Amino acid sequence: MVYQRDQAIKNFKPEPYFELNAEILANQQKFVAKLDPYQRFKDETGLITFMQAKHVQKGSQDGLIKDIQKQGKKRASPQLFSLSSLQSAMNKRYHASAIFFFFPIPISYFNRYVECFTE
C-alpha cells in the first residue's frame, strides 16, 4: 500500500482546473464566496455547462444573500518562554547579545512582567 502511494506520487502530473468564485460587495465590504460543496471543473465546457444549469452569468449582477454563517475559531495561547528560549528568540529576531538579558529581562521575567513574546 505504501509502495503504491509512493508510485502514485512519483507519477503525479499536475492538471489545469477551473473554479467558480464570486466576488461579493455588501455594505462597502468585499469578500470572495466559493461553491458549497466545493467543486473543480476539468475543462471550461464543464464550468460553462454548470453555470448555464444554475443560471449564473459572468460579470456584475445584483443578488440576494439568503443566509450567513459565522464560525468562531479558537486558538490556544502560546506557551510561555523559558529564559533560555527567550534569549535565543531575541537573538534570532533582533541579534541581541546575551549581555542584553543580563539585567533587565531576567528580573522582570521572574517577577512575571514578561509573559509572552510572539508575533
N, C-alpha and C. Protein backbone atom coordinates (compact mmCIF):
# COMPACT_ATOMS: atom_id res chain seq x y z
N MET A 1 0.83 -1.18 0.00
CA MET A 1 0.00 0.00 0.00
C MET A 1 0.88 1.26 0.00
N VAL A 2 1.94 1.27 0.80
CA VAL A 2 2.84 2.41 0.85
C VAL A 2 3.56 2.55 -0.49
N TYR A 3 3.95 1.43 -1.07
CA TYR A 3 4.64 1.46 -2.36
C TYR A 3 3.73 2.04 -3.44
N GLN A 4 2.47 1.61 -3.44
CA GLN A 4 1.52 2.12 -4.44
C GLN A 4 1.33 3.63 -4.29
N ARG A 5 1.24 4.09 -3.06
CA ARG A 5 1.08 5.53 -2.82
C ARG A 5 2.33 6.28 -3.28
N ASP A 6 3.50 5.72 -3.02
CA ASP A 6 4.75 6.34 -3.45
C ASP A 6 4.81 6.42 -4.97
N GLN A 7 4.39 5.36 -5.65
CA GLN A 7 4.37 5.37 -7.11
C GLN A 7 3.37 6.39 -7.66
N ALA A 8 2.23 6.51 -7.00
CA ALA A 8 1.23 7.49 -7.43
C ALA A 8 1.78 8.91 -7.29
N ILE A 9 2.53 9.16 -6.23
CA ILE A 9 3.13 10.48 -6.03
C ILE A 9 4.20 10.75 -7.08
N LYS A 10 5.02 9.75 -7.38
CA LYS A 10 6.07 9.93 -8.39
C LYS A 10 5.49 10.15 -9.78
N ASN A 11 4.37 9.51 -10.08
CA ASN A 11 3.77 9.61 -11.41
C ASN A 11 2.74 10.73 -11.51
N PHE A 12 2.64 11.56 -10.50
CA PHE A 12 1.66 12.65 -10.49
C PHE A 12 2.00 13.68 -11.55
N LYS A 13 0.99 14.07 -12.30
CA LYS A 13 1.15 15.13 -13.29
C LYS A 13 0.09 16.18 -13.01
N PRO A 14 0.49 17.42 -12.78
CA PRO A 14 -0.50 18.46 -12.50
C PRO A 14 -1.39 18.71 -13.71
N GLU A 15 -2.67 18.90 -13.43
CA GLU A 15 -3.64 19.18 -14.49
C GLU A 15 -4.31 20.51 -14.21
N PRO A 16 -4.55 21.29 -15.24
CA PRO A 16 -5.27 22.55 -15.01
C PRO A 16 -6.72 22.27 -14.64
N TYR A 17 -7.30 23.18 -13.86
CA TYR A 17 -8.70 23.04 -13.48
C TYR A 17 -9.32 24.43 -13.37
N PHE A 18 -10.62 24.47 -13.32
CA PHE A 18 -11.37 25.72 -13.23
C PHE A 18 -12.20 25.72 -11.96
N GLU A 19 -12.30 26.90 -11.35
CA GLU A 19 -13.11 27.09 -10.14
C GLU A 19 -14.12 28.19 -10.41
N LEU A 20 -15.18 28.17 -9.64
CA LEU A 20 -16.18 29.22 -9.75
C LEU A 20 -16.20 29.99 -8.43
N ASN A 21 -15.78 31.24 -8.48
CA ASN A 21 -15.77 32.11 -7.30
C ASN A 21 -16.60 33.34 -7.60
N ALA A 22 -17.18 33.91 -6.55
CA ALA A 22 -17.96 35.13 -6.70
C ALA A 22 -17.37 36.19 -5.78
N GLU A 23 -17.07 37.35 -6.34
CA GLU A 23 -16.61 38.48 -5.53
C GLU A 23 -17.84 39.29 -5.16
N ILE A 24 -18.14 39.36 -3.88
CA ILE A 24 -19.38 39.97 -3.40
C ILE A 24 -19.06 41.29 -2.71
N LEU A 25 -19.84 42.30 -3.05
CA LEU A 25 -19.73 43.62 -2.43
C LEU A 25 -21.02 43.87 -1.67
N ALA A 26 -20.93 43.93 -0.34
CA ALA A 26 -22.10 44.17 0.50
C ALA A 26 -21.71 45.14 1.61
N ASN A 27 -22.46 46.20 1.76
CA ASN A 27 -22.19 47.21 2.80
C ASN A 27 -20.77 47.74 2.72
N GLN A 28 -20.32 48.04 1.51
CA GLN A 28 -18.98 48.59 1.26
C GLN A 28 -17.85 47.64 1.66
N GLN A 29 -18.13 46.35 1.79
CA GLN A 29 -17.11 45.35 2.10
C GLN A 29 -17.10 44.30 1.00
N LYS A 30 -15.90 43.88 0.61
CA LYS A 30 -15.75 42.86 -0.42
C LYS A 30 -15.31 41.55 0.23
N PHE A 31 -15.84 40.45 -0.29
CA PHE A 31 -15.35 39.13 0.10
C PHE A 31 -15.59 38.17 -1.05
N VAL A 32 -14.90 37.04 -1.02
CA VAL A 32 -14.99 36.05 -2.08
C VAL A 32 -15.78 34.86 -1.57
N ALA A 33 -16.77 34.44 -2.34
CA ALA A 33 -17.58 33.28 -1.99
C ALA A 33 -17.22 32.14 -2.94
N LYS A 34 -17.23 30.92 -2.40
CA LYS A 34 -16.94 29.73 -3.20
C LYS A 34 -18.14 28.80 -3.16
N LEU A 35 -18.17 27.87 -4.10
CA LEU A 35 -19.26 26.91 -4.15
C LEU A 35 -19.27 26.03 -2.91
N ASP A 36 -20.46 25.68 -2.46
CA ASP A 36 -20.60 24.74 -1.34
C ASP A 36 -21.59 23.68 -1.77
N PRO A 37 -21.23 22.46 -1.97
CA PRO A 37 -19.92 21.86 -1.77
C PRO A 37 -18.93 22.32 -2.85
N TYR A 38 -17.67 22.37 -2.46
CA TYR A 38 -16.60 22.86 -3.32
C TYR A 38 -16.48 21.97 -4.55
N GLN A 39 -16.38 22.59 -5.73
CA GLN A 39 -16.24 21.84 -6.97
C GLN A 39 -15.14 22.43 -7.82
N ARG A 40 -14.46 21.55 -8.54
CA ARG A 40 -13.49 21.95 -9.56
C ARG A 40 -13.95 21.35 -10.87
N PHE A 41 -13.63 22.05 -11.95
CA PHE A 41 -14.02 21.58 -13.27
C PHE A 41 -12.77 21.34 -14.09
N LYS A 42 -12.73 20.18 -14.78
CA LYS A 42 -11.54 19.82 -15.54
C LYS A 42 -11.35 20.66 -16.79
N ASP A 43 -12.46 21.13 -17.36
CA ASP A 43 -12.34 21.96 -18.56
C ASP A 43 -13.37 23.08 -18.50
N GLU A 44 -13.20 24.02 -19.39
CA GLU A 44 -14.06 25.21 -19.38
C GLU A 44 -15.49 24.87 -19.80
N THR A 45 -15.65 23.85 -20.64
CA THR A 45 -17.01 23.48 -21.05
C THR A 45 -17.81 22.94 -19.88
N GLY A 46 -17.17 22.18 -18.99
CA GLY A 46 -17.86 21.70 -17.79
C GLY A 46 -18.29 22.85 -16.90
N LEU A 47 -17.44 23.86 -16.79
CA LEU A 47 -17.78 25.04 -16.00
C LEU A 47 -18.94 25.80 -16.62
N ILE A 48 -18.90 25.99 -17.94
CA ILE A 48 -19.97 26.72 -18.63
C ILE A 48 -21.29 25.96 -18.52
N THR A 49 -21.26 24.64 -18.65
CA THR A 49 -22.47 23.83 -18.50
C THR A 49 -23.06 23.99 -17.11
N PHE A 50 -22.22 23.96 -16.10
CA PHE A 50 -22.68 24.15 -14.72
C PHE A 50 -23.29 25.53 -14.54
N MET A 51 -22.63 26.54 -15.09
CA MET A 51 -23.13 27.91 -14.95
C MET A 51 -24.49 28.08 -15.65
N GLN A 52 -24.66 27.45 -16.81
CA GLN A 52 -25.93 27.53 -17.51
C GLN A 52 -27.03 26.80 -16.74
N ALA A 53 -26.71 25.66 -16.14
CA ALA A 53 -27.70 24.91 -15.38
C ALA A 53 -28.16 25.68 -14.15
N LYS A 54 -27.27 26.46 -13.56
CA LYS A 54 -27.59 27.23 -12.34
C LYS A 54 -27.98 28.67 -12.65
N HIS A 55 -28.06 29.04 -13.94
CA HIS A 55 -28.43 30.39 -14.38
C HIS A 55 -27.48 31.45 -13.82
N VAL A 56 -26.19 31.17 -13.95
CA VAL A 56 -25.15 32.09 -13.49
C VAL A 56 -24.48 32.69 -14.72
N GLN A 57 -24.21 33.98 -14.67
CA GLN A 57 -23.57 34.67 -15.78
C GLN A 57 -22.27 35.30 -15.31
N LYS A 58 -21.35 35.50 -16.25
CA LYS A 58 -20.13 36.23 -15.94
C LYS A 58 -20.46 37.70 -15.83
N GLY A 59 -19.71 38.41 -15.02
CA GLY A 59 -19.89 39.85 -14.92
C GLY A 59 -20.65 40.26 -13.68
N SER A 60 -20.90 41.54 -13.58
CA SER A 60 -21.54 42.12 -12.41
C SER A 60 -23.05 41.87 -12.44
N GLN A 61 -23.58 41.43 -11.30
CA GLN A 61 -25.00 41.13 -11.18
C GLN A 61 -25.50 41.54 -9.81
N ASP A 62 -26.78 41.79 -9.71
CA ASP A 62 -27.40 42.01 -8.41
C ASP A 62 -27.79 40.65 -7.84
N GLY A 63 -27.79 40.56 -6.53
CA GLY A 63 -28.15 39.30 -5.90
C GLY A 63 -28.71 39.52 -4.52
N LEU A 64 -29.13 38.44 -3.91
CA LEU A 64 -29.71 38.46 -2.57
C LEU A 64 -28.97 37.44 -1.71
N ILE A 65 -28.47 37.88 -0.59
CA ILE A 65 -27.81 36.98 0.35
C ILE A 65 -28.89 36.38 1.23
N LYS A 66 -29.07 35.06 1.13
CA LYS A 66 -30.13 34.38 1.87
C LYS A 66 -29.71 33.95 3.26
N ASP A 67 -28.47 33.59 3.43
CA ASP A 67 -28.04 33.01 4.70
C ASP A 67 -26.59 33.40 4.97
N ILE A 68 -26.31 33.69 6.22
CA ILE A 68 -24.95 34.00 6.65
C ILE A 68 -24.60 33.04 7.77
N GLN A 69 -23.46 32.41 7.66
CA GLN A 69 -22.99 31.51 8.71
C GLN A 69 -21.63 32.00 9.19
N LYS A 70 -21.55 32.30 10.46
CA LYS A 70 -20.29 32.74 11.05
C LYS A 70 -19.75 31.62 11.91
N GLN A 71 -18.45 31.43 11.83
CA GLN A 71 -17.80 30.40 12.63
C GLN A 71 -16.70 31.04 13.46
N GLY A 72 -16.79 30.85 14.75
CA GLY A 72 -15.72 31.33 15.62
C GLY A 72 -14.63 30.29 15.71
N LYS A 73 -13.42 30.74 15.61
CA LYS A 73 -12.29 29.82 15.70
C LYS A 73 -11.52 30.12 16.97
N LYS A 74 -11.24 29.07 17.71
CA LYS A 74 -10.48 29.23 18.95
C LYS A 74 -9.03 28.89 18.67
N ARG A 75 -8.18 29.64 19.32
CA ARG A 75 -6.75 29.42 19.17
C ARG A 75 -6.13 29.47 20.55
N ALA A 76 -5.40 28.45 20.89
CA ALA A 76 -4.77 28.40 22.20
C ALA A 76 -3.65 29.43 22.27
N SER A 77 -3.49 29.99 23.44
CA SER A 77 -2.40 30.95 23.61
C SER A 77 -1.07 30.22 23.58
N PRO A 78 -0.03 30.87 23.10
CA PRO A 78 1.27 30.21 23.00
C PRO A 78 1.87 29.94 24.38
N GLN A 79 2.77 28.99 24.41
CA GLN A 79 3.46 28.65 25.65
C GLN A 79 4.36 29.80 26.08
N LEU A 80 4.55 29.91 27.37
CA LEU A 80 5.46 30.93 27.88
C LEU A 80 6.90 30.54 27.55
N PHE A 81 7.74 31.54 27.42
CA PHE A 81 9.15 31.31 27.15
C PHE A 81 9.86 30.93 28.44
N SER A 82 10.82 30.03 28.31
CA SER A 82 11.80 29.89 29.37
C SER A 82 12.83 30.99 29.11
N LEU A 83 13.67 31.27 30.07
CA LEU A 83 14.64 32.34 29.90
C LEU A 83 15.59 32.05 28.73
N SER A 84 16.03 30.81 28.61
CA SER A 84 16.96 30.48 27.52
C SER A 84 16.27 30.56 26.16
N SER A 85 15.02 30.11 26.07
CA SER A 85 14.33 30.19 24.77
C SER A 85 14.01 31.65 24.42
N LEU A 86 13.75 32.48 25.43
CA LEU A 86 13.53 33.91 25.19
C LEU A 86 14.80 34.55 24.66
N GLN A 87 15.93 34.20 25.25
CA GLN A 87 17.21 34.74 24.79
C GLN A 87 17.50 34.32 23.35
N SER A 88 17.26 33.06 23.03
CA SER A 88 17.55 32.61 21.67
C SER A 88 16.58 33.23 20.66
N ALA A 89 15.32 33.42 21.04
CA ALA A 89 14.36 34.06 20.13
C ALA A 89 14.74 35.51 19.88
N MET A 90 15.13 36.23 20.92
CA MET A 90 15.54 37.62 20.76
C MET A 90 16.82 37.73 19.94
N ASN A 91 17.71 36.77 20.13
CA ASN A 91 18.95 36.76 19.36
C ASN A 91 18.66 36.54 17.88
N LYS A 92 17.74 35.64 17.56
CA LYS A 92 17.40 35.37 16.17
C LYS A 92 16.70 36.55 15.52
N ARG A 93 15.78 37.18 16.25
CA ARG A 93 14.98 38.25 15.66
C ARG A 93 15.71 39.58 15.62
N TYR A 94 16.38 39.93 16.72
CA TYR A 94 16.94 41.28 16.84
C TYR A 94 18.45 41.28 17.01
N HIS A 95 19.08 40.13 16.91
CA HIS A 95 20.53 39.99 17.08
C HIS A 95 20.98 40.59 18.42
N ALA A 96 20.19 40.34 19.44
CA ALA A 96 20.51 40.83 20.78
C ALA A 96 21.48 39.87 21.44
N SER A 97 22.51 40.39 22.03
CA SER A 97 23.51 39.54 22.68
C SER A 97 23.02 39.13 24.07
N ALA A 98 23.72 38.20 24.67
CA ALA A 98 23.34 37.71 25.99
C ALA A 98 23.47 38.80 27.06
N ILE A 99 24.35 39.75 26.87
CA ILE A 99 24.52 40.83 27.84
C ILE A 99 23.26 41.69 27.93
N PHE A 100 22.50 41.74 26.84
CA PHE A 100 21.23 42.46 26.84
C PHE A 100 20.27 41.87 27.87
N PHE A 101 20.36 40.56 28.08
CA PHE A 101 19.47 39.88 29.01
C PHE A 101 20.01 39.81 30.42
N PHE A 102 21.22 40.24 30.59
CA PHE A 102 21.86 40.04 31.89
C PHE A 102 21.11 40.72 33.02
N PHE A 103 20.60 41.91 32.81
CA PHE A 103 19.96 42.60 33.92
C PHE A 103 18.45 42.79 33.77
N PRO A 104 17.94 43.52 32.79
CA PRO A 104 16.52 43.91 32.86
C PRO A 104 15.52 42.78 32.62
N ILE A 105 15.74 41.94 31.63
CA ILE A 105 14.74 40.95 31.28
C ILE A 105 14.61 39.85 32.34
N PRO A 106 15.70 39.27 32.84
CA PRO A 106 15.51 38.20 33.82
C PRO A 106 14.76 38.65 35.07
N ILE A 107 15.02 39.85 35.54
CA ILE A 107 14.32 40.32 36.74
C ILE A 107 12.84 40.47 36.45
N SER A 108 12.50 41.12 35.35
CA SER A 108 11.09 41.31 35.04
C SER A 108 10.44 39.99 34.63
N TYR A 109 11.22 39.07 34.04
CA TYR A 109 10.67 37.77 33.67
C TYR A 109 10.30 36.98 34.92
N PHE A 110 11.20 36.96 35.88
CA PHE A 110 10.91 36.20 37.09
C PHE A 110 9.89 36.90 37.97
N ASN A 111 9.69 38.18 37.80
CA ASN A 111 8.63 38.88 38.52
C ASN A 111 7.31 38.84 37.74
N ARG A 112 7.26 38.06 36.67
CA ARG A 112 6.07 37.83 35.85
C ARG A 112 5.59 39.06 35.10
N TYR A 113 6.48 39.97 34.77
CA TYR A 113 6.09 41.11 33.94
C TYR A 113 6.12 40.72 32.47
N VAL A 114 7.00 39.82 32.09
CA VAL A 114 7.10 39.37 30.72
C VAL A 114 6.45 38.01 30.66
N GLU A 115 5.29 37.92 30.02
CA GLU A 115 4.59 36.65 29.97
C GLU A 115 4.78 35.94 28.64
N CYS A 116 4.72 36.69 27.57
CA CYS A 116 4.78 36.05 26.26
C CYS A 116 5.34 37.03 25.25
N PHE A 117 6.17 36.55 24.38
CA PHE A 117 6.74 37.40 23.34
C PHE A 117 6.66 36.65 22.02
N THR A 118 5.55 36.81 21.31
CA THR A 118 5.40 36.18 20.00
C THR A 118 4.84 37.20 19.04
N GLU A 119 4.91 36.85 17.77
CA GLU A 119 4.37 37.75 16.75
C GLU A 119 2.92 37.42 16.51
